[in-house]
Amino acid sequence: MSALLTVLSLLGFIALTAGTALFVAAEFSLTALERSTVEAHARGGDRRARQVRHAHRTLSFQLSGAQLGITITTLITGYIAEPVLARLLEPMFNAFGVSAGTSHGISLALALIIATSLSMIYGELVPKNIAIASPLEVARFTAAPMIAFSTVFKWMINFLNGVANWAVRRMGIEPAEELRSARSPQELGSLVRTSALHGALDQRTAQVVDRSLEFGERSAEELMTPRMTIESLDQDCTLADLVDAARETGFSRFPVIEGDLDNTLGFVHVKQVFVYPVKDRRNIKLKTIAKPVPIVPASLDGDEVLDRVRRDGMQVALVVDEYGGTAGIVTMEDLIEEILGDVRDEHDEEELDVRRTPNGWNCSGLLRIDEVSRATGYDAPEGEYETLGGLVLTRLGRIPVAGDEVVLPQPTHLLDPDTGGGGWIATVERMDGRRIDRVHIRPVDAEALATWELEHSHG
């Protein structure tokens, strides 16, 4: 009879360990599943898939049930396994002449260690790793028994869950029934970059997706064509002047101003010319056909700017600063280029915003700092500048002339001499009035940087 009880106890220990494994696997598989995956799987109409969806939609309740199941099976396992294992081990110590009291104590301690270790390894760690590796398959296997267990012990689970939720609310936190499946743009951007790094996405696709995710974080000020590069026409100019301006600049839209851009009456498009006979084009003034466009603050986010521009027939918006002055304009082309990169047609100038050279990059002075980083690898520290030209101007402390050179600042984490030194040197290639038009930047090693600094310190 004693032998039969021992065998039954060992079988019970194995069964209870398997029960613990079931509850642990259910818990980790449900928490590892994305809601989109569960919903897509359930649309196939499979019964187990619908059970998984039901369990995932009542996640807080199911996790409480899993915790209750783990607690019950673990406690019963300890109650059954430890005395049985102790009885099996005790004769072995008695055979070595250990006293009965000592033998009993050692046997109980070893039984506790063995039972706990086996339960932890096969009842928790192994099923946990399997569930994380294959969450959907494990959830399909465990959903039905989990739902059945939760239904039987519903009263106890609701009581324990209610007490836990009350305690959580007392801490100022609202319990959630489902896990948050959405990802922030920053998280998605990190996933995209990681996928590109490991070859799961090609670089071009990853760049477009990454730019799209960052688009909403941009402001109108970052997306706009700045004021100093805008070609405008006076209110008294005629349709013939509009045709001439379009031919000379390659632009199709122009702001019509009264004095300066702060008094913009509206915009004209070159296609408006073709509504009028050729003989009348030198008599019709632009102020009579200029169309109003949306006016947006410089701080408006990219998504809202896109919406405003799309709704306007001219597909352009005027950007104003905090003082009410015109800071620039945003066109649909500006917005598309923010996502797809440089977009060019037969009317655009051949000069690219960034052009690779044998020892560096030739860049537009209007290039934003984040665009410089993306194109060249140079990461500028935060400062009172938005563009590469602004950074160079800040470093020089004066209006530069073509040929001026300056060492670009490095991020703080690269200033440690133990990193090997080196840096970047910027050369002003071309000026447009007082604006830096083109800048050449190149990386240099520590020796070249030291030589440059020595030469210019004596200059």
Protein backbone atom coordinates (compact mmCIF):
# COMPACT_ATOMS: atom_id res chain seq x y z
CA MET A 1 0.00 0.00 0.00
CA SER A 2 2.86 2.33 0.85
CA ALA A 3 4.52 1.62 -2.51
CA LEU A 4 1.24 2.32 -4.33
CA LEU A 5 0.84 5.65 -2.53
CA THR A 6 4.43 6.58 -3.41
CA VAL A 7 3.85 5.82 -7.10
CA LEU A 8 0.56 7.73 -7.12
CA SER A 9 2.23 10.67 -5.37
CA LEU A 10 5.03 10.74 -7.96
CA LEU A 11 2.48 10.60 -10.79
CA GLY A 12 0.56 13.39 -9.07
CA PHE A 13 3.76 15.43 -8.85
CA ILE A 14 4.33 15.00 -12.60
CA ALA A 15 0.72 15.87 -13.40
CA LEU A 16 0.76 18.96 -11.18
CA THR A 17 4.07 20.12 -12.70
CA ALA A 18 2.45 19.74 -16.13
CA GLY A 19 -0.49 21.79 -14.84
CA THR A 20 1.87 24.54 -13.68
CA ALA A 21 3.53 24.44 -17.10
CA LEU A 22 0.12 24.83 -18.77
CA PHE A 23 -0.74 27.93 -16.74
CA VAL A 24 2.71 29.49 -17.22
CA ALA A 25 2.61 28.82 -20.97
CA ALA A 26 -0.87 30.36 -21.22
CA GLU A 27 0.21 33.45 -19.30
CA PHE A 28 3.31 34.18 -21.35
CA SER A 29 1.78 33.31 -24.73
CA LEU A 30 -1.17 35.69 -24.18
CA THR A 31 1.07 38.55 -23.09
CA ALA A 32 3.46 37.97 -26.01
CA LEU A 33 0.71 38.09 -28.65
CA GLU A 34 -0.08 41.28 -30.56
CA ARG A 35 -3.76 42.16 -30.84
CA SER A 36 -3.49 42.53 -34.62
CA THR A 37 -2.10 38.99 -34.88
CA VAL A 38 -4.91 37.57 -32.72
CA GLU A 39 -7.64 39.38 -34.69
CA ALA A 40 -6.19 38.35 -38.07
CA HIS A 41 -5.93 34.74 -36.92
CA ALA A 42 -9.50 34.72 -35.59
CA ARG A 43 -10.94 35.96 -38.89
CA GLY A 44 -10.18 32.54 -40.37
CA GLY A 45 -13.11 31.09 -38.40
CA ASP A 46 -11.12 28.41 -36.53
CA ARG A 47 -12.65 27.52 -33.10
CA ARG A 48 -9.30 27.60 -31.28
CA ALA A 49 -8.49 30.92 -32.90
CA ARG A 50 -11.75 32.35 -31.54
CA GLN A 51 -10.89 30.95 -28.11
CA VAL A 52 -7.51 32.70 -28.25
CA ARG A 53 -9.24 35.95 -29.19
CA HIS A 54 -11.68 35.58 -26.29
CA ALA A 55 -8.82 34.93 -23.86
CA HIS A 56 -6.84 37.89 -25.23
CA ARG A 57 -9.82 40.24 -24.98
CA THR A 58 -10.27 39.28 -21.30
CA LEU A 59 -6.55 39.34 -20.63
CA SER A 60 -6.61 40.69 -17.07
CA PHE A 61 -9.12 38.01 -16.02
CA GLN A 62 -7.19 35.21 -17.77
CA LEU A 63 -3.86 36.27 -16.28
CA SER A 64 -5.43 36.28 -12.82
CA GLY A 65 -6.73 32.78 -13.55
CA ALA A 66 -3.27 31.67 -14.65
CA GLN A 67 -1.74 33.06 -11.47
CA LEU A 68 -4.35 31.27 -9.38
CA GLY A 69 -3.68 28.03 -11.25
CA ILE A 70 0.09 28.37 -10.79
CA THR A 71 -0.34 29.03 -7.07
CA ILE A 72 -2.68 26.05 -6.55
CA THR A 73 -0.59 23.54 -8.50
CA THR A 74 2.67 24.73 -6.92
CA LEU A 75 1.30 24.46 -3.38
CA ILE A 76 -0.15 20.98 -3.96
CA THR A 77 3.09 19.92 -5.66
CA GLY A 78 5.06 20.90 -2.58
CA TYR A 79 2.55 19.21 -0.28
CA ILE A 80 2.72 15.91 -2.22
CA ALA A 81 6.26 15.79 -3.55
CA GLU A 82 8.38 16.85 -0.60
CA PRO A 83 7.33 14.10 1.89
CA VAL A 84 7.40 11.44 -0.83
CA LEU A 85 10.89 12.41 -1.96
CA ALA A 86 12.02 12.64 1.67
CA ARG A 87 10.79 9.08 2.32
CA LEU A 88 12.69 7.87 -0.73
CA LEU A 89 15.90 9.64 0.28
CA GLU A 90 15.87 8.87 4.01
CA PRO A 91 16.84 5.15 3.75
CA MET A 92 19.90 6.11 1.72
CA PHE A 93 21.24 8.29 4.53
CA ASN A 94 20.34 5.68 7.13
CA ALA A 95 22.44 3.17 5.20
CA PHE A 96 25.46 5.44 5.69
CA GLY A 97 24.94 5.40 9.45
CA VAL A 98 23.41 8.88 9.73
CA SER A 99 21.18 9.24 12.79
CA ALA A 100 17.44 9.11 12.26
CA GLY A 101 16.84 12.76 13.22
CA THR A 102 19.65 14.08 11.03
CA SER A 103 18.69 11.78 8.16
CA HIS A 104 15.10 13.02 8.29
CA GLY A 105 16.17 16.69 8.28
CA ILE A 106 18.61 16.27 5.37
CA SER A 107 16.06 14.26 3.39
CA LEU A 108 13.39 16.97 3.81
CA ALA A 109 15.86 19.71 2.76
CA LEU A 110 16.97 17.79 -0.33
CA ALA A 111 13.37 16.90 -1.17
CA LEU A 112 12.43 20.58 -1.00
CA ILE A 113 15.37 21.55 -3.27
CA ILE A 114 14.67 18.79 -5.79
CA ALA A 115 10.91 19.37 -5.90
CA THR A 116 11.30 23.14 -6.21
CA SER A 117 14.02 22.85 -8.89
CA LEU A 118 12.04 20.39 -11.01
CA SER A 119 8.89 22.48 -10.68
CA MET A 120 10.77 25.67 -11.58
CA ILE A 121 12.59 24.18 -14.57
CA TYR A 122 9.84 22.03 -16.11
CA GLY A 123 6.86 23.87 -14.72
CA GLU A 124 7.97 27.47 -15.34
CA LEU A 125 11.19 28.14 -17.26
CA VAL A 126 10.75 25.60 -20.08
CA PRO A 127 7.11 26.51 -20.85
CA LYS A 128 7.93 30.22 -20.55
CA ASN A 129 10.65 29.99 -23.21
CA ILE A 130 8.44 27.90 -25.50
CA ALA A 131 5.55 30.37 -25.13
CA ILE A 132 7.75 33.38 -25.95
CA ALA A 133 9.24 31.61 -28.97
CA SER A 134 5.87 30.40 -30.39
CA PRO A 135 3.13 32.46 -28.70
CA LEU A 136 0.32 31.78 -31.18
CA GLU A 137 0.80 28.00 -31.27
CA VAL A 138 1.04 27.82 -27.48
CA ALA A 139 -2.00 30.06 -27.02
CA ARG A 140 -4.03 27.81 -29.33
CA PHE A 141 -3.04 24.79 -27.22
CA THR A 142 -3.71 26.38 -23.83
CA ALA A 143 -6.75 28.59 -24.57
CA ALA A 144 -9.44 25.94 -24.10
CA PRO A 145 -8.20 24.52 -20.77
CA MET A 146 -7.50 28.05 -19.49
CA ILE A 147 -11.03 29.21 -20.33
CA ALA A 148 -12.47 26.07 -18.68
CA PHE A 149 -10.41 26.60 -15.51
CA SER A 150 -11.30 30.30 -15.39
CA THR A 151 -14.98 29.49 -15.75
CA VAL A 152 -14.93 26.99 -12.85
CA PHE A 153 -12.99 29.33 -10.54
CA LYS A 154 -14.61 32.53 -11.82
CA TRP A 155 -15.89 33.54 -8.38
CA MET A 156 -12.42 33.29 -6.82
CA ILE A 157 -10.67 35.00 -9.73
CA ASN A 158 -13.15 37.90 -9.69
CA PHE A 159 -12.63 38.33 -5.96
CA LEU A 160 -8.82 38.31 -6.21
CA ASN A 161 -8.87 40.47 -9.32
CA GLY A 162 -11.20 42.96 -7.67
CA VAL A 163 -8.95 43.29 -4.63
CA ALA A 164 -5.87 43.72 -6.87
CA ASN A 165 -7.60 46.32 -9.07
CA TRP A 166 -8.74 48.23 -5.98
CA ALA A 167 -5.14 48.33 -4.74
CA VAL A 168 -3.87 49.47 -8.15
CA ARG A 169 -6.48 52.24 -8.37
CA ARG A 170 -5.46 53.43 -4.92
CA MET A 171 -2.02 54.02 -6.43
CA GLY A 172 -3.57 56.25 -9.10
CA ILE A 173 -3.28 53.71 -11.94
CA GLU A 174 -6.24 52.51 -13.98
CA PRO A 175 -6.06 48.72 -14.66
CA ALA A 176 -6.16 47.70 -18.33
CA GLU A 177 -8.08 44.67 -19.56
CA GLU A 178 -5.92 44.36 -22.70
CA LEU A 179 -2.26 45.03 -23.31
CA ARG A 180 -1.47 48.14 -25.32
CA SER A 181 -0.67 46.82 -28.80
CA ALA A 182 -0.01 50.16 -30.44
CA ARG A 183 3.54 51.37 -30.90
CA SER A 184 4.74 54.94 -30.74
CA PRO A 185 6.41 56.46 -33.83
CA GLN A 186 9.74 56.31 -31.99
CA GLU A 187 9.31 52.58 -31.29
CA LEU A 188 8.28 51.87 -34.87
CA GLY A 189 11.21 53.91 -36.18
CA SER A 190 13.58 51.88 -34.03
CA LEU A 191 12.04 48.65 -35.36
CA VAL A 192 12.41 49.86 -38.94
CA ARG A 193 16.06 50.81 -38.46
CA THR A 194 16.80 47.49 -36.77
CA SER A 195 15.07 45.59 -39.60
CA ALA A 196 17.11 47.48 -42.18
CA LEU A 197 20.32 46.83 -40.25
CA HIS A 198 19.64 43.06 -40.26
CA GLY A 199 18.50 42.95 -43.89
CA ALA A 200 14.77 42.36 -43.27
CA LEU A 201 14.01 45.66 -45.08
CA ASP A 202 15.94 47.16 -47.96
CA GLN A 203 17.56 50.49 -47.17
CA ARG A 204 15.36 52.57 -49.47
CA THR A 205 12.11 51.18 -48.07
CA ALA A 206 13.37 51.58 -44.51
CA GLN A 207 14.32 55.21 -45.20
CA VAL A 208 10.87 56.04 -46.61
CA VAL A 209 9.08 54.37 -43.68
CA ASP A 210 11.38 56.07 -41.17
CA ARG A 211 10.83 59.48 -42.78
CA SER A 212 7.07 58.89 -42.80
CA LEU A 213 7.08 58.12 -39.08
CA GLU A 214 9.11 61.24 -38.33
CA PHE A 215 6.95 63.44 -40.57
CA GLY A 216 4.30 64.15 -37.92
CA GLU A 217 7.00 65.35 -35.52
CA ARG A 218 8.18 68.02 -37.95
CA SER A 219 6.91 71.59 -37.75
CA ALA A 220 5.94 73.92 -40.57
CA GLU A 221 9.16 75.83 -39.90
CA GLU A 222 11.21 72.70 -40.58
CA LEU A 223 9.26 71.78 -43.71
CA MET A 224 9.02 75.20 -45.37
CA THR A 225 11.02 76.87 -48.10
CA PRO A 226 12.60 79.79 -46.19
CA ARG A 227 11.74 83.38 -46.96
CA MET A 228 15.07 84.38 -48.48
CA THR A 229 14.81 81.80 -51.29
CA ILE A 230 11.25 82.65 -52.33
CA GLU A 231 10.71 84.21 -55.73
CA SER A 232 7.81 86.67 -55.54
CA LEU A 233 6.00 89.02 -57.94
CA ASP A 234 4.69 92.51 -57.23
CA GLN A 235 0.94 93.15 -57.30
CA ASP A 236 1.34 95.42 -60.34
CA CYS A 237 3.12 92.76 -62.42
CA THR A 238 1.14 91.37 -65.34
CA LEU A 239 0.39 87.92 -66.72
CA ALA A 240 3.26 88.41 -69.16
CA ASP A 241 5.60 89.00 -66.22
CA LEU A 242 4.31 85.76 -64.66
CA VAL A 243 5.18 83.82 -67.81
CA ASP A 244 8.66 85.39 -67.88
CA ALA A 245 9.26 84.57 -64.21
CA ALA A 246 8.16 80.96 -64.69
CA ARG A 247 10.49 80.62 -67.67
CA GLU A 248 13.46 82.11 -65.80
CA THR A 249 13.05 80.32 -62.45
CA GLY A 250 11.34 77.04 -63.36
CA PHE A 251 8.71 77.69 -60.67
CA SER A 252 4.99 77.49 -61.39
CA ARG A 253 3.58 79.26 -58.29
CA PHE A 254 4.47 82.73 -57.05
CA PRO A 255 3.33 84.84 -54.10
CA VAL A 256 1.91 88.20 -55.14
CA ILE A 257 3.10 90.88 -52.73
CA GLU A 258 2.43 94.47 -51.88
CA GLY A 259 5.86 95.79 -50.98
CA ASP A 260 7.29 92.66 -49.34
CA LEU A 261 6.40 89.11 -48.31
CA ASP A 262 4.87 90.31 -45.05
CA ASN A 263 2.10 91.77 -47.21
CA THR A 264 1.31 88.77 -49.40
CA LEU A 265 -1.97 89.22 -51.25
CA GLY A 266 -2.19 85.65 -52.52
CA PHE A 267 -0.61 83.25 -55.00
CA VAL A 268 -0.77 82.87 -58.75
CA HIS A 269 -0.11 79.78 -60.85
CA VAL A 270 1.29 79.91 -64.35
CA LYS A 271 -1.62 77.84 -65.68
CA GLN A 272 -3.93 80.80 -64.90
CA VAL A 273 -2.30 82.61 -67.82
CA PHE A 274 -3.90 80.30 -70.39
CA VAL A 275 -7.42 81.41 -69.45
CA TYR A 276 -6.76 84.81 -71.03
CA PRO A 277 -6.05 85.75 -74.66
CA VAL A 278 -2.42 86.51 -75.52
CA LYS A 279 -3.26 90.11 -76.47
CA ASP A 280 -4.60 90.83 -72.95
CA ARG A 281 -1.74 89.34 -70.93
CA ARG A 282 0.22 92.59 -70.64
CA ASN A 283 -2.80 94.45 -69.33
CA ILE A 284 -4.09 92.11 -66.63
CA LYS A 285 -2.37 92.67 -63.29
CA LEU A 286 -1.64 89.83 -60.91
CA LYS A 287 -3.43 91.44 -57.95
CA THR A 288 -6.72 90.88 -59.79
CA ILE A 289 -6.24 87.11 -60.12
CA ALA A 290 -4.19 86.27 -56.99
CA LYS A 291 -5.85 83.55 -54.90
CA PRO A 292 -5.71 83.43 -51.11
CA VAL A 293 -3.90 80.45 -49.55
CA PRO A 294 -3.91 78.98 -46.04
CA ILE A 295 -1.77 80.76 -43.45
CA VAL A 296 -0.23 78.45 -40.88
CA PRO A 297 1.92 79.13 -37.80
CA ALA A 298 5.54 78.02 -37.93
CA SER A 299 4.91 75.66 -34.99
CA LEU A 300 2.12 73.65 -36.69
CA ASP A 301 2.92 69.92 -36.93
CA GLY A 302 3.57 68.17 -40.24
CA ASP A 303 0.33 66.16 -40.39
CA GLU A 304 -1.81 69.26 -39.98
CA VAL A 305 0.30 71.20 -42.50
CA LEU A 306 -0.20 68.40 -45.04
CA ASP A 307 -3.96 68.47 -44.45
CA ARG A 308 -4.12 72.26 -44.96
CA VAL A 309 -2.02 72.15 -48.14
CA ARG A 310 -4.01 69.27 -49.63
CA ARG A 311 -7.31 71.07 -49.09
CA ASP A 312 -6.10 74.19 -50.92
CA GLY A 313 -6.33 74.30 -54.70
CA MET A 314 -2.95 76.03 -55.01
CA GLN A 315 -1.32 73.28 -52.89
CA VAL A 316 0.71 75.84 -50.97
CA ALA A 317 0.52 77.48 -47.54
CA LEU A 318 2.08 80.63 -46.16
CA VAL A 319 4.07 80.12 -42.93
CA VAL A 320 4.14 82.96 -40.41
CA ASP A 321 6.36 83.34 -37.36
CA GLU A 322 5.27 84.29 -33.84
CA TYR A 323 5.44 87.98 -34.72
CA GLY A 324 3.10 87.63 -37.71
CA GLY A 325 5.84 88.02 -40.32
CA THR A 326 6.21 85.68 -43.28
CA ALA A 327 8.79 83.01 -42.47
CA GLY A 328 8.41 81.00 -45.67
CA ILE A 329 6.04 78.86 -47.72
CA VAL A 330 5.21 75.16 -47.71
CA THR A 331 4.35 73.43 -50.98
CA MET A 332 3.20 69.91 -51.69
CA GLU A 333 6.62 69.26 -53.20
CA ASP A 334 8.27 70.22 -49.90
CA LEU A 335 6.08 67.73 -48.05
CA ILE A 336 6.66 64.91 -50.54
CA GLU A 337 10.41 65.49 -50.45
CA GLU A 338 10.36 65.24 -46.65
CA ILE A 339 9.21 61.63 -47.03
CA LEU A 340 10.71 60.48 -50.34
CA GLY A 341 13.85 62.58 -50.42
CA ASP A 342 14.88 64.93 -53.22
CA VAL A 343 12.25 65.00 -56.00
CA ARG A 344 13.28 66.66 -59.24
CA ASP A 345 11.69 67.47 -62.57
CA GLU A 346 12.97 68.95 -65.82
CA HIS A 347 12.63 72.50 -64.45
CA ASP A 348 14.72 71.99 -61.31
CA GLU A 349 18.35 72.95 -61.14
CA GLU A 350 20.81 70.08 -61.45
CA GLU A 351 22.54 70.86 -58.16
CA LEU A 352 21.60 68.33 -55.47
CA ASP A 353 21.11 69.18 -51.82
CA VAL A 354 23.85 66.67 -50.96
CA ARG A 355 26.56 65.55 -53.37
CA ARG A 356 29.29 63.03 -52.52
CA THR A 357 32.87 64.19 -53.12
CA PRO A 358 36.12 62.20 -52.96
CA ASN A 359 36.77 63.25 -49.35
CA GLY A 360 33.38 64.35 -48.01
CA TRP A 361 30.04 65.89 -48.98
CA ASN A 362 29.03 69.11 -50.71
CA CYS A 363 25.79 70.24 -49.02
CA SER A 364 23.23 72.99 -49.29
CA GLY A 365 23.53 75.48 -46.47
CA LEU A 366 19.75 75.20 -46.00
CA LEU A 367 19.95 71.49 -45.20
CA ARG A 368 18.48 70.73 -41.77
CA ILE A 369 20.83 69.23 -39.17
CA ASP A 370 18.91 65.94 -39.07
CA GLU A 371 19.12 65.73 -42.88
CA VAL A 372 22.88 66.31 -42.70
CA SER A 373 23.17 63.49 -40.19
CA ARG A 374 21.10 61.14 -42.34
CA ALA A 375 23.08 61.92 -45.51
CA THR A 376 26.63 62.15 -44.18
CA GLY A 377 26.80 60.56 -40.73
CA TYR A 378 27.82 63.79 -38.99
CA ASP A 379 25.81 64.26 -35.77
CA ALA A 380 25.77 67.82 -34.49
CA PRO A 381 25.06 68.53 -30.82
CA GLU A 382 21.96 70.54 -29.95
CA GLY A 383 22.30 74.28 -30.33
CA GLU A 384 20.71 77.53 -31.46
CA TYR A 385 20.61 76.55 -35.12
CA GLU A 386 18.39 74.54 -37.44
CA THR A 387 20.46 74.26 -40.63
CA LEU A 388 24.01 73.45 -41.65
CA GLY A 389 24.51 77.07 -42.68
CA GLY A 390 23.27 78.20 -39.27
CA LEU A 391 25.72 75.85 -37.56
CA VAL A 392 28.68 77.17 -39.58
CA LEU A 393 27.56 80.76 -38.95
CA THR A 394 27.36 80.05 -35.21
CA ARG A 395 30.87 78.57 -35.18
CA LEU A 396 32.40 81.46 -37.14
CA GLY A 397 30.59 84.20 -35.22
CA ARG A 398 30.45 86.44 -38.30
CA ILE A 399 29.18 86.57 -41.87
CA PRO A 400 31.55 84.24 -43.76
CA VAL A 401 33.12 84.53 -47.17
CA ALA A 402 33.77 81.72 -49.62
CA GLY A 403 36.78 79.69 -48.47
CA ASP A 404 36.25 80.12 -44.71
CA GLU A 405 36.81 76.92 -42.74
CA VAL A 406 35.70 75.87 -39.28
CA VAL A 407 35.82 72.76 -37.12
CA LEU A 408 32.32 71.45 -36.53
CA PRO A 409 31.35 70.63 -32.93
CA GLN A 410 31.14 67.02 -31.83
CA PRO A 411 28.47 65.45 -29.61
CA THR A 412 29.47 65.31 -25.93
CA HIS A 413 29.98 61.55 -25.90
CA LEU A 414 32.65 61.88 -28.62
CA LEU A 415 34.73 64.50 -26.81
CA ASP A 416 36.51 61.93 -24.62
CA PRO A 417 40.16 61.74 -25.78
CA ASP A 418 40.06 57.98 -25.22
CA THR A 419 37.74 57.62 -28.24
CA GLY A 420 40.61 58.37 -30.62
CA GLY A 421 39.81 62.03 -31.47
CA GLY A 422 39.14 63.15 -35.03
CA GLY A 423 36.27 65.33 -36.17
CA TRP A 424 34.70 67.21 -39.06
CA ILE A 425 35.82 70.33 -40.94
CA ALA A 426 33.40 72.56 -42.87
CA THR A 427 34.42 74.80 -45.77
CA VAL A 428 32.15 77.56 -47.07
CA GLU A 429 31.99 76.91 -50.82
CA ARG A 430 29.57 79.61 -51.94
CA MET A 431 27.60 82.53 -50.52
CA ASP A 432 24.24 83.91 -51.64
CA GLY A 433 24.39 87.46 -50.35
CA ARG A 434 24.73 87.06 -46.59
CA ARG A 435 23.37 83.51 -46.67
CA ILE A 436 25.62 80.45 -46.78
CA ASP A 437 24.59 78.68 -49.97
CA ARG A 438 26.95 75.66 -50.20
CA VAL A 439 29.15 74.00 -47.58
CA HIS A 440 31.67 71.20 -47.98
CA ILE A 441 32.09 68.98 -44.92
CA ARG A 442 34.65 66.25 -44.49
CA PRO A 443 35.65 63.87 -41.70
CA VAL A 444 39.30 63.97 -40.57
CA ASP A 445 41.35 61.84 -38.23
CA ALA A 446 42.95 63.11 -35.03
CA GLU A 447 46.30 63.90 -36.66
CA ALA A 448 44.76 65.88 -39.53
CA LEU A 449 42.52 67.75 -37.10
CA ALA A 450 45.49 68.65 -34.88
CA THR A 451 47.45 69.86 -37.92
CA TRP A 452 44.51 71.99 -39.09
CA GLU A 453 44.07 73.55 -35.65
CA LEU A 454 47.80 74.28 -35.41
CA GLU A 455 47.86 76.00 -38.80
CA HIS A 456 44.82 78.12 -38.06
CA SER A 457 45.94 79.06 -34.55
CA HIS A 458 48.94 80.81 -36.17
CA GLY A 459 46.76 82.27 -38.89
